[in-house]
PDB file of all heavy atoms in Angstrom:
ATOM      1  N   ARG A   1     100.981  54.903   2.893  1.00  0.00           N
ATOM      2  CA  ARG A   1     101.299  54.307   4.200  1.00  0.00           C
ATOM      3  C   ARG A   1     102.728  54.657   4.564  1.00  0.00           C
ATOM      4  O   ARG A   1     103.598  54.736   3.707  1.00  0.00           O
ATOM      5  CB  ARG A   1     101.118  52.802   4.158  1.00  0.00           C
ATOM      6  CG  ARG A   1      99.689  52.395   3.925  1.00  0.00           C
ATOM      7  CD  ARG A   1      99.487  50.912   4.192  1.00  0.00           C
ATOM      8  NE  ARG A   1      98.180  50.474   3.779  1.00  0.00           N
ATOM      9  CZ  ARG A   1      97.088  50.554   4.535  1.00  0.00           C
ATOM     10  NH1 ARG A   1      97.162  51.066   5.731  1.00  0.00           N
ATOM     11  NH2 ARG A   1      95.937  50.120   4.082  1.00  0.00           N
ATOM     12  N   GLN A   2     102.960  54.831   5.830  1.00  0.00           N
ATOM     13  CA  GLN A   2     104.313  55.109   6.305  1.00  0.00           C
ATOM     14  C   GLN A   2     105.008  53.787   6.612  1.00  0.00           C
ATOM     15  O   GLN A   2     104.358  52.840   7.076  1.00  0.00           O
ATOM     16  CB  GLN A   2     104.271  55.996   7.545  1.00  0.00           C
ATOM     17  CG  GLN A   2     103.778  57.398   7.230  1.00  0.00           C
ATOM     18  CD  GLN A   2     103.586  58.241   8.483  1.00  0.00           C
ATOM     19  OE1 GLN A   2     102.995  57.790   9.449  1.00  0.00           O
ATOM     20  NE2 GLN A   2     104.089  59.454   8.450  1.00  0.00           N
ATOM     21  N   PRO A   3     106.299  53.685   6.338  1.00  0.00           N
ATOM     22  CA  PRO A   3     107.034  52.441   6.585  1.00  0.00           C
ATOM     23  C   PRO A   3     106.858  51.962   8.028  1.00  0.00           C
ATOM     24  O   PRO A   3     106.954  52.742   8.966  1.00  0.00           O
ATOM     25  CB  PRO A   3     108.492  52.816   6.314  1.00  0.00           C
ATOM     26  CG  PRO A   3     108.414  54.004   5.411  1.00  0.00           C
ATOM     27  CD  PRO A   3     107.166  54.737   5.796  1.00  0.00           C
ATOM     28  N   GLY A   4     106.544  50.678   8.139  1.00  0.00           N
ATOM     29  CA  GLY A   4     106.393  50.066   9.454  1.00  0.00           C
ATOM     30  C   GLY A   4     105.087  50.372  10.151  1.00  0.00           C
ATOM     31  O   GLY A   4     104.880  49.969  11.282  1.00  0.00           O
ATOM     32  N   ARG A   5     104.182  51.059   9.483  1.00  0.00           N
ATOM     33  CA  ARG A   5     102.901  51.417  10.082  1.00  0.00           C
ATOM     34  C   ARG A   5     101.771  51.048   9.135  1.00  0.00           C
ATOM     35  O   ARG A   5     101.991  50.879   7.940  1.00  0.00           O
ATOM     36  CB  ARG A   5     102.859  52.911  10.390  1.00  0.00           C
ATOM     37  CG  ARG A   5     103.979  53.326  11.359  1.00  0.00           C
ATOM     38  CD  ARG A   5     103.962  54.789  11.656  1.00  0.00           C
ATOM     39  NE  ARG A   5     102.789  55.105  12.446  1.00  0.00           N
ATOM     40  CZ  ARG A   5     102.404  56.351  12.708  1.00  0.00           C
ATOM     41  NH1 ARG A   5     103.074  57.371  12.236  1.00  0.00           N
ATOM     42  NH2 ARG A   5     101.334  56.584  13.427  1.00  0.00           N
ATOM     43  N   THR A   6     100.571  50.963   9.641  1.00  0.00           N
ATOM     44  CA  THR A   6      99.416  50.645   8.804  1.00  0.00           C
ATOM     45  C   THR A   6      98.502  51.852   8.644  1.00  0.00           C
ATOM     46  O   THR A   6      97.327  51.709   8.351  1.00  0.00           O
ATOM     47  CB  THR A   6      98.615  49.465   9.400  1.00  0.00           C
ATOM     48  OG1 THR A   6      98.202  49.825  10.721  1.00  0.00           O
ATOM     49  CG2 THR A   6      99.419  48.194   9.416  1.00  0.00           C
ATOM     50  N   ASN A   7      99.036  53.044   8.862  1.00  0.00           N
ATOM     51  CA  ASN A   7      98.205  54.238   8.789  1.00  0.00           C
ATOM     52  C   ASN A   7      98.094  54.764   7.356  1.00  0.00           C
ATOM     53  O   ASN A   7      98.945  54.539   6.526  1.00  0.00           O
ATOM     54  CB  ASN A   7      98.771  55.335   9.696  1.00  0.00           C
ATOM     55  CG  ASN A   7     100.150  55.796   9.264  1.00  0.00           C
ATOM     56  OD1 ASN A   7     100.855  55.114   8.537  1.00  0.00           O
ATOM     57  ND2 ASN A   7     100.545  56.958   9.714  1.00  0.00           N
ATOM     58  N   GLY A   8      96.998  55.472   7.122  1.00  0.00           N
ATOM     59  CA  GLY A   8      96.831  56.184   5.863  1.00  0.00           C
ATOM     60  C   GLY A   8      96.430  55.317   4.698  1.00  0.00           C
ATOM     61  O   GLY A   8      96.480  54.104   4.731  1.00  0.00           O
ATOM     62  N   GLY A   9      95.983  55.999   3.693  1.00  0.00           N
ATOM     63  CA  GLY A   9      95.798  55.424   2.381  1.00  0.00           C
ATOM     64  C   GLY A   9      94.649  54.487   2.144  1.00  0.00           C
ATOM     65  O   GLY A   9      94.382  53.607   2.928  1.00  0.00           O
ATOM     66  N   GLN A  10      93.980  54.751   1.070  1.00  0.00           N
ATOM     67  CA  GLN A  10      92.967  53.864   0.501  1.00  0.00           C
ATOM     68  C   GLN A  10      93.171  53.922  -1.000  1.00  0.00           C
ATOM     69  O   GLN A  10      92.433  54.598  -1.716  1.00  0.00           O
ATOM     70  CB  GLN A  10      91.563  54.328   0.890  1.00  0.00           C
ATOM     71  CG  GLN A  10      91.220  54.141   2.342  1.00  0.00           C
ATOM     72  CD  GLN A  10      91.043  52.672   2.677  1.00  0.00           C
ATOM     73  OE1 GLN A  10      90.599  51.873   1.859  1.00  0.00           O
ATOM     74  NE2 GLN A  10      91.422  52.315   3.883  1.00  0.00           N
ATOM     75  N   GLU A  11      94.216  53.245  -1.472  1.00  0.00           N
ATOM     76  CA  GLU A  11      94.559  53.318  -2.892  1.00  0.00           C
ATOM     77  C   GLU A  11      93.400  52.933  -3.798  1.00  0.00           C
ATOM     78  O   GLU A  11      93.149  53.596  -4.797  1.00  0.00           O
ATOM     79  CB  GLU A  11      95.772  52.440  -3.203  1.00  0.00           C
ATOM     80  CG  GLU A  11      97.074  53.034  -2.779  1.00  0.00           C
ATOM     81  CD  GLU A  11      98.269  52.277  -3.328  1.00  0.00           C
ATOM     82  OE1 GLU A  11      98.097  51.306  -4.112  1.00  0.00           O
ATOM     83  OE2 GLU A  11      99.399  52.675  -2.983  1.00  0.00           O
ATOM     84  N   THR A  12      92.706  51.851  -3.459  1.00  0.00           N
ATOM     85  CA  THR A  12      91.616  51.398  -4.327  1.00  0.00           C
ATOM     86  C   THR A  12      90.498  52.434  -4.365  1.00  0.00           C
ATOM     87  O   THR A  12      89.979  52.741  -5.440  1.00  0.00           O
ATOM     88  CB  THR A  12      91.085  50.033  -3.878  1.00  0.00           C
ATOM     89  OG1 THR A  12      92.155  49.095  -3.919  1.00  0.00           O
ATOM     90  CG2 THR A  12      89.962  49.547  -4.782  1.00  0.00           C
ATOM     91  N   ASN A  13      90.131  52.995  -3.211  1.00  0.00           N
ATOM     92  CA  ASN A  13      89.092  54.030  -3.197  1.00  0.00           C
ATOM     93  C   ASN A  13      89.499  55.202  -4.081  1.00  0.00           C
ATOM     94  O   ASN A  13      88.692  55.712  -4.865  1.00  0.00           O
ATOM     95  CB  ASN A  13      88.850  54.535  -1.775  1.00  0.00           C
ATOM     96  CG  ASN A  13      88.187  53.522  -0.891  1.00  0.00           C
ATOM     97  OD1 ASN A  13      88.068  52.362  -1.218  1.00  0.00           O
ATOM     98  ND2 ASN A  13      87.769  53.968   0.277  1.00  0.00           N
ATOM     99  N   CYS A  14      90.749  55.648  -3.951  1.00  0.00           N
ATOM    100  CA  CYS A  14      91.242  56.769  -4.752  1.00  0.00           C
ATOM    101  C   CYS A  14      91.220  56.429  -6.237  1.00  0.00           C
ATOM    102  O   CYS A  14      90.770  57.232  -7.070  1.00  0.00           O
ATOM    103  CB  CYS A  14      92.657  57.144  -4.324  1.00  0.00           C
ATOM    104  SG  CYS A  14      92.775  57.864  -2.671  1.00  0.00           S
ATOM    105  N   ARG A  15      91.699  55.255  -6.591  1.00  0.00           N
ATOM    106  CA  ARG A  15      91.800  54.859  -8.000  1.00  0.00           C
ATOM    107  C   ARG A  15      90.422  54.770  -8.651  1.00  0.00           C
ATOM    108  O   ARG A  15      90.196  55.339  -9.736  1.00  0.00           O
ATOM    109  CB  ARG A  15      92.528  53.514  -8.097  1.00  0.00           C
ATOM    110  CG  ARG A  15      92.794  53.037  -9.501  1.00  0.00           C
ATOM    111  CD  ARG A  15      93.719  51.823  -9.484  1.00  0.00           C
ATOM    112  NE  ARG A  15      93.181  50.707  -8.742  1.00  0.00           N
ATOM    113  CZ  ARG A  15      92.320  49.814  -9.240  1.00  0.00           C
ATOM    114  NH1 ARG A  15      91.909  49.915 -10.494  1.00  0.00           N
ATOM    115  NH2 ARG A  15      91.892  48.815  -8.500  1.00  0.00           N
ATOM    116  N   ILE A  16      89.489  54.076  -8.008  1.00  0.00           N
ATOM    117  CA  ILE A  16      88.162  53.882  -8.603  1.00  0.00           C
ATOM    118  C   ILE A  16      87.382  55.191  -8.627  1.00  0.00           C
ATOM    119  O   ILE A  16      86.712  55.508  -9.610  1.00  0.00           O
ATOM    120  CB  ILE A  16      87.391  52.767  -7.862  1.00  0.00           C
ATOM    121  CG1 ILE A  16      88.144  51.430  -7.973  1.00  0.00           C
ATOM    122  CG2 ILE A  16      85.962  52.647  -8.385  1.00  0.00           C
ATOM    123  CD1 ILE A  16      88.373  50.928  -9.380  1.00  0.00           C
ATOM    124  N   ASN A  17      87.475  55.983  -7.572  1.00  0.00           N
ATOM    125  CA  ASN A  17      86.779  57.269  -7.558  1.00  0.00           C
ATOM    126  C   ASN A  17      87.315  58.170  -8.675  1.00  0.00           C
ATOM    127  O   ASN A  17      86.534  58.815  -9.375  1.00  0.00           O
ATOM    128  CB  ASN A  17      86.924  57.941  -6.191  1.00  0.00           C
ATOM    129  CG  ASN A  17      86.160  59.249  -6.114  1.00  0.00           C
ATOM    130  OD1 ASN A  17      86.520  60.225  -6.763  1.00  0.00           O
ATOM    131  ND2 ASN A  17      85.109  59.268  -5.314  1.00  0.00           N
ATOM    132  N   ALA A  18      88.629  58.219  -8.865  1.00  0.00           N
ATOM    133  CA  ALA A  18      89.215  59.049  -9.924  1.00  0.00           C
ATOM    134  C   ALA A  18      88.766  58.568 -11.310  1.00  0.00           C
ATOM    135  O   ALA A  18      88.490  59.390 -12.194  1.00  0.00           O
ATOM    136  CB  ALA A  18      90.735  59.060  -9.817  1.00  0.00           C
ATOM    137  N   LEU A  19      88.679  57.259 -11.511  1.00  0.00           N
ATOM    138  CA  LEU A  19      88.192  56.730 -12.784  1.00  0.00           C
ATOM    139  C   LEU A  19      86.727  57.103 -12.994  1.00  0.00           C
ATOM    140  O   LEU A  19      86.328  57.491 -14.101  1.00  0.00           O
ATOM    141  CB  LEU A  19      88.384  55.211 -12.835  1.00  0.00           C
ATOM    142  CG  LEU A  19      89.832  54.741 -12.969  1.00  0.00           C
ATOM    143  CD1 LEU A  19      89.949  53.249 -12.652  1.00  0.00           C
ATOM    144  CD2 LEU A  19      90.379  55.048 -14.351  1.00  0.00           C
ATOM    145  N   ALA A  20      85.921  56.992 -11.943  1.00  0.00           N
ATOM    146  CA  ALA A  20      84.511  57.389 -12.027  1.00  0.00           C
ATOM    147  C   ALA A  20      84.400  58.879 -12.342  1.00  0.00           C
ATOM    148  O   ALA A  20      83.562  59.291 -13.150  1.00  0.00           O
ATOM    149  CB  ALA A  20      83.787  57.054 -10.727  1.00  0.00           C
ATOM    150  N   ASN A  21      85.243  59.679 -11.716  1.00  0.00           N
ATOM    151  CA  ASN A  21      85.257  61.121 -11.985  1.00  0.00           C
ATOM    152  C   ASN A  21      85.489  61.386 -13.473  1.00  0.00           C
ATOM    153  O   ASN A  21      84.789  62.212 -14.070  1.00  0.00           O
ATOM    154  CB  ASN A  21      86.343  61.795 -11.137  1.00  0.00           C
ATOM    155  CG  ASN A  21      86.395  63.287 -11.351  1.00  0.00           C
ATOM    156  OD1 ASN A  21      85.565  64.019 -10.819  1.00  0.00           O
ATOM    157  ND2 ASN A  21      87.365  63.747 -12.138  1.00  0.00           N
ATOM    158  N   GLN A  22      86.433  60.677 -14.078  1.00  0.00           N
ATOM    159  CA  GLN A  22      86.724  60.859 -15.508  1.00  0.00           C
ATOM    160  C   GLN A  22      85.498  60.549 -16.359  1.00  0.00           C
ATOM    161  O   GLN A  22      85.155  61.288 -17.285  1.00  0.00           O
ATOM    162  CB  GLN A  22      87.874  59.963 -15.951  1.00  0.00           C
ATOM    163  CG  GLN A  22      89.221  60.372 -15.455  1.00  0.00           C
ATOM    164  CD  GLN A  22      90.300  59.353 -15.846  1.00  0.00           C
ATOM    165  OE1 GLN A  22      90.021  58.311 -16.432  1.00  0.00           O
ATOM    166  NE2 GLN A  22      91.534  59.664 -15.500  1.00  0.00           N
ATOM    167  N   ILE A  23      84.853  59.421 -16.059  1.00  0.00           N
ATOM    168  CA  ILE A  23      83.675  59.005 -16.833  1.00  0.00           C
ATOM    169  C   ILE A  23      82.551  60.019 -16.681  1.00  0.00           C
ATOM    170  O   ILE A  23      81.940  60.451 -17.657  1.00  0.00           O
ATOM    171  CB  ILE A  23      83.199  57.602 -16.384  1.00  0.00           C
ATOM    172  CG1 ILE A  23      84.265  56.537 -16.654  1.00  0.00           C
ATOM    173  CG2 ILE A  23      81.846  57.240 -17.024  1.00  0.00           C
ATOM    174  CD1 ILE A  23      84.611  56.308 -18.090  1.00  0.00           C
ATOM    175  N   LEU A  24      82.248  60.384 -15.442  1.00  0.00           N
ATOM    176  CA  LEU A  24      81.148  61.316 -15.196  1.00  0.00           C
ATOM    177  C   LEU A  24      81.441  62.697 -15.769  1.00  0.00           C
ATOM    178  O   LEU A  24      80.555  63.353 -16.318  1.00  0.00           O
ATOM    179  CB  LEU A  24      80.857  61.388 -13.695  1.00  0.00           C
ATOM    180  CG  LEU A  24      80.348  60.081 -13.072  1.00  0.00           C
ATOM    181  CD1 LEU A  24      80.344  60.181 -11.562  1.00  0.00           C
ATOM    182  CD2 LEU A  24      78.982  59.699 -13.622  1.00  0.00           C
ATOM    183  N   ASP A  25      82.688  63.133 -15.687  1.00  0.00           N
ATOM    184  CA  ASP A  25      83.072  64.434 -16.225  1.00  0.00           C
ATOM    185  C   ASP A  25      82.926  64.477 -17.746  1.00  0.00           C
ATOM    186  O   ASP A  25      82.647  65.531 -18.315  1.00  0.00           O
ATOM    187  CB  ASP A  25      84.506  64.775 -15.812  1.00  0.00           C
ATOM    188  CG  ASP A  25      84.903  66.190 -16.170  1.00  0.00           C
ATOM    189  OD1 ASP A  25      84.120  67.129 -15.887  1.00  0.00           O
ATOM    190  OD2 ASP A  25      86.000  66.380 -16.731  1.00  0.00           O
ATOM    191  N   SER A  26      83.087  63.330 -18.394  1.00  0.00           N
ATOM    192  CA  SER A  26      82.948  63.277 -19.855  1.00  0.00           C
ATOM    193  C   SER A  26      81.506  63.002 -20.289  1.00  0.00           C
ATOM    194  O   SER A  26      81.246  62.808 -21.471  1.00  0.00           O
ATOM    195  CB  SER A  26      83.886  62.220 -20.437  1.00  0.00           C
ATOM    196  OG  SER A  26      83.455  60.927 -20.077  1.00  0.00           O
ATOM    197  N   GLY A  27      80.577  62.967 -19.335  1.00  0.00           N
ATOM    198  CA  GLY A  27      79.171  62.766 -19.672  1.00  0.00           C
ATOM    199  C   GLY A  27      78.704  61.329 -19.638  1.00  0.00           C
ATOM    200  O   GLY A  27      77.563  61.039 -19.994  1.00  0.00           O
ATOM    201  N   GLY A  28      79.563  60.406 -19.219  1.00  0.00           N
ATOM    202  CA  GLY A  28      79.181  59.004 -19.140  1.00  0.00           C
ATOM    203  C   GLY A  28      78.256  58.723 -17.968  1.00  0.00           C
ATOM    204  O   GLY A  28      78.142  59.528 -17.038  1.00  0.00           O
ATOM    205  N   ASN A  29      77.586  57.582 -18.044  1.00  0.00           N
ATOM    206  CA  ASN A  29      76.670  57.153 -16.990  1.00  0.00           C
ATOM    207  C   ASN A  29      77.160  55.846 -16.396  1.00  0.00           C
ATOM    208  O   ASN A  29      77.355  54.865 -17.120  1.00  0.00           O
ATOM    209  CB  ASN A  29      75.257  56.948 -17.540  1.00  0.00           C
ATOM    210  CG  ASN A  29      74.627  58.253 -17.973  1.00  0.00           C
ATOM    211  OD1 ASN A  29      74.569  59.199 -17.201  1.00  0.00           O
ATOM    212  ND2 ASN A  29      74.173  58.307 -19.212  1.00  0.00           N
ATOM    213  N   LEU A  30      77.353  55.833 -15.094  1.00  0.00           N
ATOM    214  CA  LEU A  30      77.764  54.629 -14.379  1.00  0.00           C
ATOM    215  C   LEU A  30      76.605  54.099 -13.548  1.00  0.00           C
ATOM    216  O   LEU A  30      75.848  54.878 -12.972  1.00  0.00           O
ATOM    217  CB  LEU A  30      78.939  54.936 -13.440  1.00  0.00           C
ATOM    218  CG  LEU A  30      80.272  55.227 -14.102  1.00  0.00           C
ATOM    219  CD1 LEU A  30      81.234  55.839 -13.085  1.00  0.00           C
ATOM    220  CD2 LEU A  30      80.863  53.956 -14.691  1.00  0.00           C
ATOM    221  N   ASN A  31      76.502  52.771 -13.504  1.00  0.00           N
ATOM    222  CA  ASN A  31      75.504  52.104 -12.673  1.00  0.00           C
ATOM    223  C   ASN A  31      76.199  51.152 -11.713  1.00  0.00           C
ATOM    224  O   ASN A  31      77.310  50.684 -11.982  1.00  0.00           O
ATOM    225  CB  ASN A  31      74.528  51.298 -13.539  1.00  0.00           C
ATOM    226  CG  ASN A  31      73.657  52.179 -14.378  1.00  0.00           C
ATOM    227  OD1 ASN A  31      72.998  53.086 -13.876  1.00  0.00           O
ATOM    228  ND2 ASN A  31      73.646  51.948 -15.682  1.00  0.00           N
ATOM    229  N   ILE A  32      75.517  50.859 -10.621  1.00  0.00           N
ATOM    230  CA  ILE A  32      75.990  49.877  -9.646  1.00  0.00           C
ATOM    231  C   ILE A  32      75.020  48.705  -9.619  1.00  0.00           C
ATOM    232  O   ILE A  32      73.806  48.893  -9.500  1.00  0.00           O
ATOM    233  CB  ILE A  32      76.089  50.494  -8.229  1.00  0.00           C
ATOM    234  CG1 ILE A  32      77.165  51.564  -8.172  1.00  0.00           C
ATOM    235  CG2 ILE A  32      76.348  49.408  -7.175  1.00  0.00           C
ATOM    236  CD1 ILE A  32      78.585  51.070  -8.243  1.00  0.00           C
ATOM    237  N   TRP A  33      75.581  47.510  -9.750  1.00  0.00           N
ATOM    238  CA  TRP A  33      74.850  46.250  -9.613  1.00  0.00           C
ATOM    239  C   TRP A  33      75.363  45.559  -8.350  1.00  0.00           C
ATOM    240  O   TRP A  33      76.557  45.646  -8.054  1.00  0.00           O
ATOM    241  CB  TRP A  33      75.127  45.346 -10.811  1.00  0.00           C
ATOM    242  CG  TRP A  33      74.624  45.859 -12.123  1.00  0.00           C
ATOM    243  CD1 TRP A  33      75.135  46.887 -12.856  1.00  0.00           C
ATOM    244  CD2 TRP A  33      73.524  45.345 -12.870  1.00  0.00           C
ATOM    245  NE1 TRP A  33      74.415  47.049 -14.014  1.00  0.00           N
ATOM    246  CE2 TRP A  33      73.426  46.118 -14.050  1.00  0.00           C
ATOM    247  CE3 TRP A  33      72.624  44.308 -12.662  1.00  0.00           C
ATOM    248  CZ2 TRP A  33      72.451  45.877 -15.005  1.00  0.00           C
ATOM    249  CZ3 TRP A  33      71.653  44.072 -13.616  1.00  0.00           C
ATOM    250  CH2 TRP A  33      71.573  44.852 -14.773  1.00  0.00           C
ATOM    251  N   VAL A  34      74.495  44.866  -7.636  1.00  0.00           N
ATOM    252  CA  VAL A  34      74.909  44.195  -6.400  1.00  0.00           C
ATOM    253  C   VAL A  34      74.369  42.773  -6.321  1.00  0.00           C
ATOM    254  O   VAL A  34      73.340  42.444  -6.916  1.00  0.00           O
ATOM    255  CB  VAL A  34      74.464  44.985  -5.138  1.00  0.00           C
ATOM    256  CG1 VAL A  34      75.120  46.347  -5.084  1.00  0.00           C
ATOM    257  CG2 VAL A  34      72.959  45.095  -5.046  1.00  0.00           C
ATOM    258  N   ARG A  35      75.097  41.972  -5.584  1.00  0.00           N
ATOM    259  CA  ARG A  35      74.648  40.620  -5.215  1.00  0.00           C
ATOM    260  C   ARG A  35      75.085  40.414  -3.777  1.00  0.00           C
ATOM    261  O   ARG A  35      76.277  40.503  -3.474  1.00  0.00           O
ATOM    262  CB  ARG A  35      75.270  39.562  -6.122  1.00  0.00           C
ATOM    263  CG  ARG A  35      74.769  38.154  -5.799  1.00  0.00           C
ATOM    264  CD  ARG A  35      75.240  37.156  -6.811  1.00  0.00           C
ATOM    265  NE  ARG A  35      76.561  36.683  -6.426  1.00  0.00           N
ATOM    266  CZ  ARG A  35      77.398  36.071  -7.242  1.00  0.00           C
ATOM    267  NH1 ARG A  35      77.103  35.888  -8.503  1.00  0.00           N
ATOM    268  NH2 ARG A  35      78.558  35.647  -6.814  1.00  0.00           N
ATOM    269  N   THR A  36      74.151  40.151  -2.894  1.00  0.00           N
ATOM    270  CA  THR A  36      74.499  39.953  -1.495  1.00  0.00           C
ATOM    271  C   THR A  36      74.984  38.523  -1.266  1.00  0.00           C
ATOM    272  O   THR A  36      74.558  37.593  -1.951  1.00  0.00           O
ATOM    273  CB  THR A  36      73.314  40.269  -0.556  1.00  0.00           C
ATOM    274  OG1 THR A  36      72.225  39.425  -0.873  1.00  0.00           O
ATOM    275  CG2 THR A  36      72.896  41.732  -0.681  1.00  0.00           C
ATOM    276  N   THR A  37      75.905  38.401  -0.326  1.00  0.00           N
ATOM    277  CA  THR A  37      76.426  37.101   0.092  1.00  0.00           C
ATOM    278  C   THR A  37      76.682  37.164   1.591  1.00  0.00           C
ATOM    279  O   THR A  37      76.716  38.248   2.175  1.00  0.00           O
ATOM    280  CB  THR A  37      77.769  36.757  -0.583  1.00  0.00           C
ATOM    281  OG1 THR A  37      78.766  37.672  -0.118  1.00  0.00           O
ATOM    282  CG2 THR A  37      77.702  36.783  -2.084  1.00  0.00           C
ATOM    283  N   LEU A  38      76.910  36.031   2.171  1.00  0.00           N
ATOM    284  CA  LEU A  38      77.405  36.018   3.538  1.00  0.00           C
ATOM    285  C   LEU A  38      78.830  36.554   3.511  1.00  0.00           C
ATOM    286  O   LEU A  38      79.552  36.360   2.529  1.00  0.00           O
ATOM    287  CB  LEU A  38      77.384  34.597   4.099  1.00  0.00           C
ATOM    288  CG  LEU A  38      75.993  33.986   4.322  1.00  0.00           C
ATOM    289  CD1 LEU A  38      76.117  32.518   4.701  1.00  0.00           C
ATOM    290  CD2 LEU A  38      75.237  34.766   5.375  1.00  0.00           C
TER     291      LEU A  38
END
């Protein structure tokens, strides 16, 4: 993000995707579980 602005960046998306990339690249298997709420 640029100072004084709300533009750019999705740190959490980048962090979790990069971690998933590491797991998948090493042959690991990831699953997604969900629970819906209001």
